[in-house]
Amino acid sequence: MGVDVVLMQVDRPGSSPKRRRLNQVAVAVDASEEFAGLCAGENVPMLSRADPYGTLILTSAEMEQFISEVESRQGRSELLGEILRLARTCMADPSMELHLQGD
């Protein structure tokens, strides 16, 4: 069960949460379940909240800890590089969210 990482642009016209719209900007697909395994590791409190069967939504304010936890893991694969790129994009724009989507 992989955990895909999806960068979403949040459009909030007006103040009603019912009018909130999400637009997918980019996705890092966890086909090999590498990121899911990283989320199941120890000493990663934010990543361990990821649900392999559900969705965890992270805001730009949470990206500093998310990036720190991803960078603290051993190895630098192409997938982790892409996830870090998406997280840095999210951190730079408060209208973005990072969705960790299980299968």
N, C-alpha and C. Protein backbone atom coordinates (compact mmCIF):
# COMPACT_ATOMS: atom_id res chain seq x y z
N MET A 1 0.83 -1.18 0.00
CA MET A 1 0.00 0.00 0.00
C MET A 1 0.87 1.24 0.00
N GLY A 2 1.00 1.89 -1.11
CA GLY A 2 1.80 3.10 -1.21
C GLY A 2 1.07 4.31 -0.67
N VAL A 3 1.85 5.35 -0.37
CA VAL A 3 1.30 6.63 0.07
C VAL A 3 1.77 7.67 -0.94
N ASP A 4 0.86 8.09 -1.82
CA ASP A 4 1.18 9.10 -2.82
C ASP A 4 1.17 10.49 -2.19
N VAL A 5 2.01 11.37 -2.70
CA VAL A 5 2.09 12.74 -2.19
C VAL A 5 1.58 13.67 -3.28
N VAL A 6 0.50 14.40 -2.97
CA VAL A 6 -0.17 15.25 -3.96
C VAL A 6 -0.12 16.70 -3.50
N LEU A 7 0.40 17.57 -4.34
CA LEU A 7 0.41 19.01 -4.07
C LEU A 7 -0.87 19.60 -4.62
N MET A 8 -1.63 20.25 -3.73
CA MET A 8 -2.93 20.82 -4.11
C MET A 8 -2.93 22.33 -3.93
N GLN A 9 -3.52 23.02 -4.88
CA GLN A 9 -3.77 24.46 -4.79
C GLN A 9 -5.18 24.62 -4.24
N VAL A 10 -5.32 25.38 -3.16
CA VAL A 10 -6.62 25.58 -2.53
C VAL A 10 -7.17 26.93 -2.98
N ASP A 11 -8.38 26.89 -3.52
CA ASP A 11 -9.08 28.10 -3.95
C ASP A 11 -10.23 28.31 -2.98
N ARG A 12 -10.21 29.45 -2.28
CA ARG A 12 -11.25 29.75 -1.29
C ARG A 12 -11.97 31.05 -1.63
N PRO A 13 -12.86 31.03 -2.60
CA PRO A 13 -13.60 32.27 -2.89
C PRO A 13 -14.61 32.54 -1.78
N GLY A 14 -14.51 33.69 -1.17
CA GLY A 14 -15.41 34.02 -0.06
C GLY A 14 -14.96 33.36 1.22
N SER A 15 -15.83 33.36 2.21
CA SER A 15 -15.45 32.84 3.52
C SER A 15 -16.09 31.49 3.84
N SER A 16 -16.97 31.00 3.01
CA SER A 16 -17.65 29.74 3.28
C SER A 16 -16.74 28.55 2.95
N PRO A 17 -16.58 27.60 3.89
CA PRO A 17 -15.78 26.41 3.59
C PRO A 17 -16.42 25.53 2.51
N LYS A 18 -17.70 25.71 2.25
CA LYS A 18 -18.38 24.94 1.21
C LYS A 18 -17.88 25.32 -0.17
N ARG A 19 -17.33 26.51 -0.30
CA ARG A 19 -16.86 26.99 -1.61
C ARG A 19 -15.39 26.66 -1.85
N ARG A 20 -14.78 25.96 -0.93
CA ARG A 20 -13.36 25.57 -1.04
C ARG A 20 -13.21 24.57 -2.20
N ARG A 21 -12.26 24.87 -3.08
CA ARG A 21 -11.99 23.99 -4.22
C ARG A 21 -10.51 23.62 -4.24
N LEU A 22 -10.22 22.40 -4.63
CA LEU A 22 -8.85 21.91 -4.71
C LEU A 22 -8.49 21.63 -6.16
N ASN A 23 -7.29 22.05 -6.55
CA ASN A 23 -6.77 21.76 -7.88
C ASN A 23 -5.44 21.05 -7.72
N GLN A 24 -5.33 19.87 -8.31
CA GLN A 24 -4.09 19.12 -8.23
C GLN A 24 -3.02 19.80 -9.07
N VAL A 25 -1.88 20.08 -8.45
CA VAL A 25 -0.77 20.74 -9.12
C VAL A 25 0.26 19.72 -9.59
N ALA A 26 0.62 18.78 -8.70
CA ALA A 26 1.63 17.77 -9.02
C ALA A 26 1.45 16.59 -8.09
N VAL A 27 2.01 15.44 -8.49
CA VAL A 27 1.90 14.23 -7.67
C VAL A 27 3.19 13.44 -7.75
N ALA A 28 3.58 12.86 -6.62
CA ALA A 28 4.69 11.92 -6.55
C ALA A 28 4.06 10.57 -6.18
N VAL A 29 4.10 9.63 -7.11
CA VAL A 29 3.45 8.33 -6.94
C VAL A 29 4.41 7.37 -6.25
N ASP A 30 3.93 6.76 -5.17
CA ASP A 30 4.72 5.83 -4.37
C ASP A 30 4.46 4.39 -4.83
N ALA A 31 4.79 4.08 -6.06
CA ALA A 31 4.50 2.77 -6.63
C ALA A 31 5.28 1.66 -5.93
N SER A 32 6.48 1.94 -5.48
CA SER A 32 7.32 0.91 -4.84
C SER A 32 7.13 0.85 -3.33
N GLU A 33 6.22 1.64 -2.79
CA GLU A 33 5.92 1.72 -1.36
C GLU A 33 7.11 2.19 -0.52
N GLU A 34 8.04 2.88 -1.16
CA GLU A 34 9.20 3.42 -0.46
C GLU A 34 8.80 4.48 0.56
N PHE A 35 7.95 5.42 0.16
CA PHE A 35 7.53 6.48 1.06
C PHE A 35 6.65 5.93 2.18
N ALA A 36 5.80 4.96 1.87
CA ALA A 36 4.97 4.33 2.90
C ALA A 36 5.84 3.69 3.97
N GLY A 37 6.93 3.05 3.56
CA GLY A 37 7.86 2.46 4.51
C GLY A 37 8.53 3.50 5.37
N LEU A 38 8.88 4.62 4.77
CA LEU A 38 9.49 5.72 5.51
C LEU A 38 8.52 6.26 6.55
N CYS A 39 7.25 6.33 6.22
CA CYS A 39 6.23 6.83 7.14
C CYS A 39 6.03 5.89 8.32
N ALA A 40 6.34 4.63 8.15
CA ALA A 40 6.16 3.65 9.22
C ALA A 40 7.37 3.60 10.15
N GLY A 41 8.39 4.40 9.87
CA GLY A 41 9.61 4.38 10.67
C GLY A 41 9.45 5.02 12.04
N GLU A 42 10.50 4.91 12.82
CA GLU A 42 10.52 5.51 14.15
C GLU A 42 11.05 6.93 14.09
N ASN A 43 10.76 7.71 15.12
CA ASN A 43 11.25 9.09 15.26
C ASN A 43 10.82 10.01 14.13
N VAL A 44 9.67 9.75 13.57
CA VAL A 44 9.09 10.63 12.54
C VAL A 44 7.63 10.91 12.91
N PRO A 45 7.39 11.75 13.91
CA PRO A 45 6.01 11.93 14.41
C PRO A 45 5.02 12.42 13.36
N MET A 46 5.44 13.31 12.48
CA MET A 46 4.49 13.80 11.48
C MET A 46 4.25 12.74 10.41
N LEU A 47 5.32 12.14 9.91
CA LEU A 47 5.17 11.13 8.87
C LEU A 47 4.38 9.92 9.38
N SER A 48 4.54 9.58 10.65
CA SER A 48 3.84 8.40 11.18
C SER A 48 2.33 8.62 11.25
N ARG A 49 1.87 9.84 11.08
CA ARG A 49 0.42 10.12 11.04
C ARG A 49 -0.19 9.73 9.70
N ALA A 50 0.64 9.49 8.68
CA ALA A 50 0.12 9.12 7.36
C ALA A 50 -0.60 7.78 7.47
N ASP A 51 -1.76 7.70 6.84
CA ASP A 51 -2.60 6.51 6.87
C ASP A 51 -2.52 5.81 5.51
N PRO A 52 -2.05 4.56 5.46
CA PRO A 52 -1.96 3.89 4.17
C PRO A 52 -3.31 3.62 3.52
N TYR A 53 -4.41 3.87 4.25
CA TYR A 53 -5.75 3.66 3.70
C TYR A 53 -6.56 4.95 3.64
N GLY A 54 -5.99 6.07 4.05
CA GLY A 54 -6.73 7.33 4.08
C GLY A 54 -5.86 8.47 3.58
N THR A 55 -6.25 9.69 3.90
CA THR A 55 -5.55 10.89 3.45
C THR A 55 -5.21 11.76 4.65
N LEU A 56 -3.97 12.22 4.69
CA LEU A 56 -3.51 13.19 5.68
C LEU A 56 -3.23 14.49 4.93
N ILE A 57 -3.84 15.58 5.38
CA ILE A 57 -3.67 16.88 4.73
C ILE A 57 -2.74 17.72 5.59
N LEU A 58 -1.65 18.21 4.96
CA LEU A 58 -0.68 19.06 5.64
C LEU A 58 -0.68 20.45 4.99
N THR A 59 -0.58 21.48 5.81
CA THR A 59 -0.56 22.85 5.30
C THR A 59 0.87 23.34 5.14
N SER A 60 1.00 24.50 4.55
CA SER A 60 2.33 25.08 4.35
C SER A 60 3.04 25.32 5.68
N ALA A 61 2.28 25.61 6.74
CA ALA A 61 2.87 25.85 8.06
C ALA A 61 3.51 24.59 8.64
N GLU A 62 3.12 23.42 8.17
CA GLU A 62 3.67 22.16 8.68
C GLU A 62 4.84 21.64 7.87
N MET A 63 5.20 22.34 6.80
CA MET A 63 6.22 21.83 5.89
C MET A 63 7.63 21.79 6.48
N GLU A 64 7.96 22.70 7.37
CA GLU A 64 9.30 22.70 7.94
C GLU A 64 9.58 21.37 8.65
N GLN A 65 8.66 20.92 9.47
CA GLN A 65 8.84 19.65 10.17
C GLN A 65 8.78 18.49 9.19
N PHE A 66 7.86 18.53 8.23
CA PHE A 66 7.74 17.46 7.23
C PHE A 66 9.06 17.30 6.47
N ILE A 67 9.60 18.41 6.00
CA ILE A 67 10.86 18.38 5.24
C ILE A 67 11.98 17.83 6.11
N SER A 68 12.04 18.27 7.35
CA SER A 68 13.08 17.81 8.27
C SER A 68 13.00 16.29 8.46
N GLU A 69 11.80 15.77 8.62
CA GLU A 69 11.64 14.34 8.82
C GLU A 69 12.00 13.54 7.57
N VAL A 70 11.64 14.02 6.40
CA VAL A 70 11.99 13.32 5.16
C VAL A 70 13.50 13.36 4.96
N GLU A 71 14.11 14.51 5.20
CA GLU A 71 15.56 14.64 5.02
C GLU A 71 16.35 13.80 6.02
N SER A 72 15.77 13.53 7.19
CA SER A 72 16.48 12.77 8.22
C SER A 72 16.59 11.29 7.91
N ARG A 73 15.81 10.81 6.96
CA ARG A 73 15.83 9.39 6.63
C ARG A 73 17.03 9.06 5.77
N GLN A 74 17.49 7.85 5.86
CA GLN A 74 18.65 7.38 5.10
C GLN A 74 18.32 7.34 3.60
N GLY A 75 19.31 7.65 2.78
CA GLY A 75 19.15 7.51 1.34
C GLY A 75 18.44 8.67 0.69
N ARG A 76 18.76 8.91 -0.55
CA ARG A 76 18.13 9.98 -1.33
C ARG A 76 17.71 9.40 -2.67
N SER A 77 16.51 8.93 -2.76
CA SER A 77 16.01 8.38 -4.00
C SER A 77 15.39 9.48 -4.84
N GLU A 78 15.07 9.14 -6.05
CA GLU A 78 14.39 10.08 -6.95
C GLU A 78 13.01 10.45 -6.38
N LEU A 79 12.31 9.47 -5.81
CA LEU A 79 10.99 9.72 -5.24
C LEU A 79 11.09 10.70 -4.07
N LEU A 80 12.03 10.49 -3.15
CA LEU A 80 12.17 11.40 -2.01
C LEU A 80 12.57 12.79 -2.47
N GLY A 81 13.38 12.89 -3.50
CA GLY A 81 13.73 14.19 -4.06
C GLY A 81 12.51 14.92 -4.60
N GLU A 82 11.64 14.19 -5.26
CA GLU A 82 10.40 14.78 -5.80
C GLU A 82 9.47 15.20 -4.66
N ILE A 83 9.37 14.38 -3.62
CA ILE A 83 8.53 14.71 -2.47
C ILE A 83 9.05 15.98 -1.80
N LEU A 84 10.36 16.08 -1.64
CA LEU A 84 10.95 17.29 -1.04
C LEU A 84 10.69 18.52 -1.90
N ARG A 85 10.74 18.36 -3.21
CA ARG A 85 10.46 19.49 -4.12
C ARG A 85 9.01 19.96 -3.94
N LEU A 86 8.08 19.01 -3.86
CA LEU A 86 6.67 19.37 -3.65
C LEU A 86 6.48 20.05 -2.30
N ALA A 87 7.15 19.53 -1.27
CA ALA A 87 7.03 20.12 0.08
C ALA A 87 7.57 21.54 0.11
N ARG A 88 8.68 21.79 -0.56
CA ARG A 88 9.25 23.15 -0.58
C ARG A 88 8.35 24.11 -1.34
N THR A 89 7.72 23.63 -2.39
CA THR A 89 6.75 24.46 -3.12
C THR A 89 5.57 24.79 -2.23
N CYS A 90 5.10 23.82 -1.48
CA CYS A 90 3.99 24.03 -0.55
C CYS A 90 4.38 25.02 0.54
N MET A 91 5.58 24.88 1.09
CA MET A 91 6.03 25.75 2.17
C MET A 91 6.09 27.21 1.72
N ALA A 92 6.39 27.44 0.45
CA ALA A 92 6.55 28.80 -0.06
C ALA A 92 5.22 29.48 -0.38
N ASP A 93 4.12 28.74 -0.38
CA ASP A 93 2.83 29.30 -0.79
C ASP A 93 1.73 28.86 0.18
N PRO A 94 1.21 29.77 1.01
CA PRO A 94 0.18 29.40 1.98
C PRO A 94 -1.13 28.89 1.36
N SER A 95 -1.32 29.07 0.07
CA SER A 95 -2.54 28.57 -0.56
C SER A 95 -2.39 27.12 -1.03
N MET A 96 -1.27 26.49 -0.68
CA MET A 96 -1.03 25.10 -1.07
C MET A 96 -1.20 24.17 0.12
N GLU A 97 -1.52 22.92 -0.19
CA GLU A 97 -1.57 21.85 0.79
C GLU A 97 -0.87 20.64 0.20
N LEU A 98 -0.32 19.81 1.07
CA LEU A 98 0.27 18.55 0.67
C LEU A 98 -0.64 17.45 1.20
N HIS A 99 -1.15 16.62 0.31
CA HIS A 99 -2.04 15.52 0.68
C HIS A 99 -1.26 14.22 0.58
N LEU A 100 -1.18 13.49 1.69
CA LEU A 100 -0.56 12.17 1.71
C LEU A 100 -1.70 11.17 1.57
N GLN A 101 -1.81 10.57 0.38
CA GLN A 101 -2.97 9.75 0.06
C GLN A 101 -2.61 8.27 0.02
N GLY A 102 -3.21 7.50 0.91
CA GLY A 102 -3.05 6.06 0.89
C GLY A 102 -3.90 5.43 -0.19
N ASP A 103 -3.74 4.14 -0.36
CA ASP A 103 -4.47 3.41 -1.42
C ASP A 103 -5.94 3.30 -1.15
